[in-house]
């Protein structure tokens, strides 16, 4: 039987129909996007904007409304849904050679701007923010070059969250950093990919090998 919108509560409908989890970015795909952002033949503004999303896990509408005043030392203050404020630490660790850390990236994006200027602004007018559609299009252009033609701002947000989980960060902390009101939403964000399954398979094989060696 086909699920009709009027037959079920909103939360259940969204979970069963609207929300269809897709595998998140693998570590190699994540690095490919980062490298593409700062590679040859890429519009520098596109690269900086896409890297910002992958570095911070911001929603598209959050990224296009951040002002310089929202940057405090090594943190980025975000006003999310329902006017909820959260703080994203800006890591100083570079994801790979040739790609700036989140801290250095935001520093470059805000250098020479006044507090009321936008982090993602037009090169000729720092007081004019990027539009949501422009950011979406930038993701598409970067993704096409990186071999991920369907890349979207939302996928970058999920990729950021999944990377934190793979590094052992507690899901409750990730949920807070994403600005979610429920752990269930965060769990759906952390889509399992073939990469994750393969990691577990190798881990189990190593454990089995160790057991045989000790017997």
Protein backbone atom coordinates (compact mmCIF):
# COMPACT_ATOMS: atom_id res chain seq x y z
CA UNK A 1 0.00 0.00 0.00
CA UNK A 2 1.26 3.41 -0.95
CA UNK A 3 1.88 5.72 1.99
CA UNK A 4 -0.32 8.83 1.78
CA UNK A 5 0.70 12.06 3.48
CA UNK A 6 -2.65 12.40 5.27
CA UNK A 7 -2.56 8.87 6.71
CA UNK A 8 0.37 9.28 9.10
CA UNK A 9 1.85 11.85 11.49
CA UNK A 10 4.32 14.30 9.97
CA UNK A 11 7.39 12.81 11.70
CA UNK A 12 6.58 9.29 10.52
CA UNK A 13 5.88 10.44 6.97
CA UNK A 14 9.17 12.30 6.74
CA UNK A 15 11.04 9.32 8.13
CA UNK A 16 9.49 6.82 5.69
CA UNK A 17 9.05 8.88 2.54
CA UNK A 18 10.74 12.23 2.41
CA UNK A 19 13.92 11.24 4.19
CA UNK A 20 15.77 8.53 2.29
CA UNK A 21 19.30 8.28 3.71
CA UNK A 22 22.06 8.01 1.15
CA UNK A 23 25.61 6.81 1.78
CA UNK A 24 27.75 9.67 3.04
CA UNK A 25 31.03 10.78 1.51
CA UNK A 26 33.85 8.30 1.94
CA UNK A 27 37.16 9.67 3.26
CA UNK A 28 38.57 9.55 -0.29
CA UNK A 29 35.59 11.44 -1.70
CA UNK A 30 35.87 14.03 1.06
CA UNK A 31 39.55 14.62 0.28
CA UNK A 32 38.77 14.71 -3.44
CA UNK A 33 36.31 17.55 -2.88
CA UNK A 34 38.80 19.45 -0.73
CA UNK A 35 41.59 19.05 -3.29
CA UNK A 36 39.28 20.07 -6.13
CA UNK A 37 38.32 23.24 -4.26
CA UNK A 38 41.94 24.39 -4.42
CA UNK A 39 42.96 22.77 -7.69
CA UNK A 40 43.57 24.21 -11.12
CA UNK A 41 40.70 25.27 -13.32
CA UNK A 42 38.37 26.02 -10.40
CA UNK A 43 36.84 29.41 -9.68
CA UNK A 44 38.60 30.41 -6.41
CA UNK A 45 35.37 31.81 -4.96
CA UNK A 46 33.57 28.52 -5.63
CA UNK A 47 36.40 26.59 -4.01
CA UNK A 48 36.46 28.68 -0.85
CA UNK A 49 32.69 28.50 -0.43
CA UNK A 50 32.43 24.74 -0.90
CA UNK A 51 35.40 24.10 1.38
CA UNK A 52 33.74 26.25 4.05
CA UNK A 53 30.68 24.00 4.04
CA UNK A 54 32.78 20.84 4.22
CA UNK A 55 34.84 22.33 7.06
CA UNK A 56 31.90 23.46 9.21
CA UNK A 57 28.76 21.43 8.41
CA UNK A 58 26.68 24.56 8.00
CA UNK A 59 23.34 24.55 6.24
CA UNK A 60 23.28 26.44 2.96
CA UNK A 61 21.17 29.29 4.37
CA UNK A 62 23.44 29.52 7.42
CA UNK A 63 26.58 29.86 5.31
CA UNK A 64 25.12 32.65 3.18
CA UNK A 65 24.10 34.76 6.18
CA UNK A 66 27.27 34.57 8.32
CA UNK A 67 28.91 37.92 8.92
CA UNK A 68 32.44 38.71 10.05
CA UNK A 69 31.08 39.57 13.49
CA UNK A 70 30.07 35.90 13.84
CA UNK A 71 33.73 34.85 13.80
CA UNK A 72 35.28 34.88 17.27
CA UNK A 73 38.92 33.77 17.53
CA UNK A 74 38.77 30.10 16.51
CA UNK A 75 34.98 29.73 16.59
CA UNK A 76 32.07 30.45 14.30
CA UNK A 77 28.74 31.46 15.81
CA UNK A 78 25.75 30.22 13.83
CA UNK A 79 22.13 31.26 14.07
CA UNK A 80 20.25 28.18 12.93
CA UNK A 81 16.65 27.07 12.66
CA UNK A 82 14.15 28.58 15.08
CA UNK A 83 16.81 31.19 15.94
CA UNK A 84 18.85 28.65 17.89
CA UNK A 85 22.47 29.67 18.34
CA UNK A 86 25.32 27.19 18.28
CA UNK A 87 29.10 27.44 18.06
CA UNK A 88 31.34 25.56 15.62
CA UNK A 89 35.03 25.23 16.56
CA UNK A 90 37.33 26.06 13.64
CA UNK A 91 39.93 23.32 13.48
CA UNK A 92 43.55 24.28 12.85
CA UNK A 93 44.39 20.88 11.36
CA UNK A 94 44.75 20.77 7.59
CA UNK A 95 42.70 17.94 6.02
CA UNK A 96 45.49 17.27 3.52
CA UNK A 97 48.48 18.97 1.89
CA UNK A 98 47.57 22.10 -0.02
CA UNK A 99 44.18 22.54 1.67
CA UNK A 100 43.86 25.16 4.44
CA UNK A 101 42.44 24.36 7.84
CA UNK A 102 39.00 25.65 8.79
CA UNK A 103 40.65 28.38 10.86
CA UNK A 104 42.88 29.56 8.01
CA UNK A 105 40.05 29.35 5.49
CA UNK A 106 37.72 31.56 7.52
CA UNK A 107 40.61 33.93 8.18
CA UNK A 108 41.17 34.28 4.44
CA UNK A 109 37.45 34.82 3.79
CA UNK A 110 37.15 37.57 6.41
CA UNK A 111 40.47 39.37 5.96
CA UNK A 112 40.06 43.09 5.30
CA UNK A 113 36.28 43.03 5.87
CA UNK A 114 34.31 44.96 8.48
CA UNK A 115 32.10 43.27 11.08
CA UNK A 116 28.88 43.72 9.09
CA UNK A 117 30.36 42.28 5.88
CA UNK A 118 29.50 38.73 4.89
CA UNK A 119 31.89 35.81 5.15
CA UNK A 120 30.68 34.62 1.74
CA UNK A 121 30.40 37.83 -0.20
CA UNK A 122 30.83 39.09 -3.75
CA UNK A 123 34.45 39.95 -4.50
CA UNK A 124 33.49 43.46 -5.60
CA UNK A 125 31.10 44.10 -2.72
CA UNK A 126 31.80 42.51 0.71
CA UNK A 127 28.46 43.83 2.00
CA UNK A 128 26.58 41.72 -0.56
CA UNK A 129 26.13 38.09 0.46
CA UNK A 130 26.06 35.07 -1.78
CA UNK A 131 22.61 33.76 -2.66
CA UNK A 132 21.58 30.23 -1.71
CA UNK A 133 21.27 29.31 -5.39
CA UNK A 134 24.81 30.48 -6.13
CA UNK A 135 26.18 28.29 -3.35
CA UNK A 136 24.18 25.33 -4.63
CA UNK A 137 25.54 25.88 -8.15
CA UNK A 138 29.10 26.13 -6.83
CA UNK A 139 28.69 22.72 -5.20
CA UNK A 140 27.51 21.30 -8.51
CA UNK A 141 30.51 22.68 -10.40
CA UNK A 142 33.01 21.47 -7.81
CA UNK A 143 31.31 18.10 -7.56
CA UNK A 144 31.39 17.55 -11.30
CA UNK A 145 35.15 18.08 -11.40
CA UNK A 146 35.65 15.89 -8.31
CA UNK A 147 33.68 13.02 -9.85
CA UNK A 148 30.59 13.65 -7.69
CA UNK A 149 28.12 15.27 -10.11
CA UNK A 150 25.23 15.25 -7.63
CA UNK A 151 27.12 17.06 -4.87
CA UNK A 152 24.94 19.42 -2.82
CA UNK A 153 25.41 21.64 0.25
CA UNK A 154 23.40 19.12 2.27
CA UNK A 155 25.72 16.28 1.27
CA UNK A 156 28.71 18.33 2.42
CA UNK A 157 26.98 18.91 5.76
CA UNK A 158 26.39 15.19 6.14
CA UNK A 159 29.96 14.48 5.04
CA UNK A 160 31.28 16.73 7.79
CA UNK A 161 29.13 14.99 10.41
CA UNK A 162 30.10 11.52 9.21
CA UNK A 163 33.80 12.41 9.30
CA UNK A 164 33.44 13.43 12.95
CA UNK A 165 31.72 10.14 13.74
CA UNK A 166 34.45 8.13 12.03
CA UNK A 167 36.99 9.95 14.17
CA UNK A 168 35.22 8.75 17.30
CA UNK A 169 33.23 11.87 18.27
CA UNK A 170 30.15 11.05 20.33
CA UNK A 171 26.91 11.30 18.36
CA UNK A 172 25.36 13.57 21.01
CA UNK A 173 28.13 16.12 20.46
CA UNK A 174 27.75 15.87 16.69
CA UNK A 175 24.01 16.44 17.08
CA UNK A 176 24.64 19.61 19.05
CA UNK A 177 27.18 20.89 16.52
CA UNK A 178 24.69 20.28 13.70
CA UNK A 179 21.95 22.09 15.58
CA UNK A 180 19.59 19.11 15.62
CA UNK A 181 16.77 18.88 18.13
CA UNK A 182 16.81 15.09 18.14
CA UNK A 183 19.42 12.34 18.10
CA UNK A 184 17.18 10.40 15.71
CA UNK A 185 17.69 13.08 13.06
CA UNK A 186 21.46 12.93 13.56
CA UNK A 187 21.46 9.14 13.25
CA UNK A 188 19.77 9.44 9.86
CA UNK A 189 22.47 11.89 8.81
CA UNK A 190 25.21 9.39 9.43
CA UNK A 191 24.52 7.21 6.42
CA UNK A 192 26.46 3.94 6.20
CA UNK A 193 28.49 3.49 3.04
CA UNK A 194 30.29 0.53 1.50
CA UNK A 195 33.44 2.08 2.94
CA UNK A 196 32.18 1.75 6.51
CA UNK A 197 31.12 -1.86 5.95
CA UNK A 198 34.55 -2.70 4.52
CA UNK A 199 36.32 -1.12 7.50
CA UNK A 200 34.32 -3.30 9.90
CA UNK A 201 34.94 -6.42 7.78
CA UNK A 202 38.71 -5.86 7.87
CA UNK A 203 38.59 -5.17 11.60
CA UNK A 204 36.75 -8.43 12.25
CA UNK A 205 39.18 -10.35 10.05
CA UNK A 206 42.12 -8.90 11.98
CA UNK A 207 40.52 -9.93 15.28
CA UNK A 208 39.96 -13.45 13.98
CA UNK A 209 43.57 -13.66 12.82
CA UNK A 210 44.83 -12.57 16.25
CA UNK A 211 42.67 -15.23 17.93
CA UNK A 212 44.07 -17.98 15.72
CA UNK A 213 47.61 -16.81 16.40
CA UNK A 214 47.09 -17.08 20.14
CA UNK A 215 45.51 -20.55 20.06
